[in-house]
Amino acid sequence: MDTYSLIALGAIILSLFSLVLLSKLFRNLIRKQIDDQMKDMIPIKAIRERIGIRIKLRK
């Protein structure tokens, strides 16, 4: 492999890694927002966690 193909491969790997990290961050932000909104309606955390299990993101 020459230098340019190694640089391109490295750039592709770094971009895929950053996309994975951004998707995890996005999922965590959505779950936190849902939990914060449910906190106003359901003050007991154990009940919120049981209801929160049913809320799933599409994969």
C-alpha atoms as a PDB file:
ATOM      1  CA  MET A   1       0.000   0.000   0.000  1.00  0.00           C
ATOM      2  CA  ASP A   2       1.250   3.412  -0.762  1.00  0.00           C
ATOM      3  CA  THR A   3       1.011   6.423   1.522  1.00  0.00           C
ATOM      4  CA  TYR A   4      -2.162   7.885   0.028  1.00  0.00           C
ATOM      5  CA  SER A   5      -4.156   4.686   0.421  1.00  0.00           C
ATOM      6  CA  LEU A   6      -3.042   4.388   4.048  1.00  0.00           C
ATOM      7  CA  ILE A   7      -4.098   7.971   4.697  1.00  0.00           C
ATOM      8  CA  ALA A   8      -7.460   7.330   3.009  1.00  0.00           C
ATOM      9  CA  LEU A   9      -7.985   4.136   5.014  1.00  0.00           C
ATOM     10  CA  GLY A  10      -7.142   5.964   8.232  1.00  0.00           C
ATOM     11  CA  ALA A  11      -9.570   8.770   7.368  1.00  0.00           C
ATOM     12  CA  ILE A  12     -12.357   6.271   6.651  1.00  0.00           C
ATOM     13  CA  ILE A  13     -11.757   4.432   9.927  1.00  0.00           C
ATOM     14  CA  LEU A  14     -11.700   7.684  11.910  1.00  0.00           C
ATOM     15  CA  SER A  15     -14.900   8.902  10.261  1.00  0.00           C
ATOM     16  CA  LEU A  16     -16.708   5.620  10.974  1.00  0.00           C
ATOM     17  CA  PHE A  17     -15.527   5.735  14.588  1.00  0.00           C
ATOM     18  CA  SER A  18     -16.781   9.301  14.963  1.00  0.00           C
ATOM     19  CA  LEU A  19     -20.150   8.326  13.446  1.00  0.00           C
ATOM     20  CA  VAL A  20     -20.506   5.515  15.984  1.00  0.00           C
ATOM     21  CA  LEU A  21     -19.675   7.891  18.832  1.00  0.00           C
ATOM     22  CA  LEU A  22     -22.140  10.497  17.572  1.00  0.00           C
ATOM     23  CA  SER A  23     -24.922   7.921  17.262  1.00  0.00           C
ATOM     24  CA  LYS A  24     -24.321   6.758  20.851  1.00  0.00           C
ATOM     25  CA  LEU A  25     -24.333  10.358  22.041  1.00  0.00           C
ATOM     26  CA  PHE A  26     -27.568  11.003  20.153  1.00  0.00           C
ATOM     27  CA  ARG A  27     -29.249   7.945  21.723  1.00  0.00           C
ATOM     28  CA  ASN A  28     -28.127   8.952  25.207  1.00  0.00           C
ATOM     29  CA  LEU A  29     -29.418  12.491  24.728  1.00  0.00           C
ATOM     30  CA  ILE A  30     -32.806  11.197  23.582  1.00  0.00           C
ATOM     31  CA  ARG A  31     -33.048   8.821  26.550  1.00  0.00           C
ATOM     32  CA  LYS A  32     -32.103  11.598  28.963  1.00  0.00           C
ATOM     33  CA  GLN A  33     -34.688  13.929  27.450  1.00  0.00           C
ATOM     34  CA  ILE A  34     -37.386  11.255  27.722  1.00  0.00           C
ATOM     35  CA  ASP A  35     -36.388  10.574  31.332  1.00  0.00           C
ATOM     36  CA  ASP A  36     -36.470  14.290  32.182  1.00  0.00           C
ATOM     37  CA  GLN A  37     -39.922  14.670  30.653  1.00  0.00           C
ATOM     38  CA  MET A  38     -41.199  11.585  32.471  1.00  0.00           C
ATOM     39  CA  LYS A  39     -39.735  12.862  35.745  1.00  0.00           C
ATOM     40  CA  ASP A  40     -42.379  15.591  35.801  1.00  0.00           C
ATOM     41  CA  MET A  41     -45.192  13.080  35.351  1.00  0.00           C
ATOM     42  CA  ILE A  42     -43.802  10.143  37.383  1.00  0.00           C
ATOM     43  CA  PRO A  43     -41.650  11.195  40.332  1.00  0.00           C
ATOM     44  CA  ILE A  44     -40.653   7.647  41.441  1.00  0.00           C
ATOM     45  CA  LYS A  45     -37.537   6.515  39.578  1.00  0.00           C
ATOM     46  CA  ALA A  46     -38.206   2.758  39.796  1.00  0.00           C
ATOM     47  CA  ILE A  47     -41.538   3.151  38.006  1.00  0.00           C
ATOM     48  CA  ARG A  48     -39.925   5.433  35.400  1.00  0.00           C
ATOM     49  CA  GLU A  49     -37.281   2.800  34.674  1.00  0.00           C
ATOM     50  CA  ARG A  50     -39.935   0.121  34.175  1.00  0.00           C
ATOM     51  CA  ILE A  51     -41.825   2.325  31.745  1.00  0.00           C
ATOM     52  CA  GLY A  52     -38.580   3.449  30.095  1.00  0.00           C
ATOM     53  CA  ILE A  53     -37.688  -0.126  29.209  1.00  0.00           C
ATOM     54  CA  ARG A  54     -40.647  -0.230  26.835  1.00  0.00           C
ATOM     55  CA  ILE A  55     -39.426   2.826  24.928  1.00  0.00           C
ATOM     56  CA  LYS A  56     -36.989   1.549  22.317  1.00  0.00           C
ATOM     57  CA  LEU A  57     -35.200   3.352  19.497  1.00  0.00           C
ATOM     58  CA  ARG A  58     -35.382   1.903  16.025  1.00  0.00           C
ATOM     59  CA  LYS A  59     -32.177   0.235  14.931  1.00  0.00           C
END
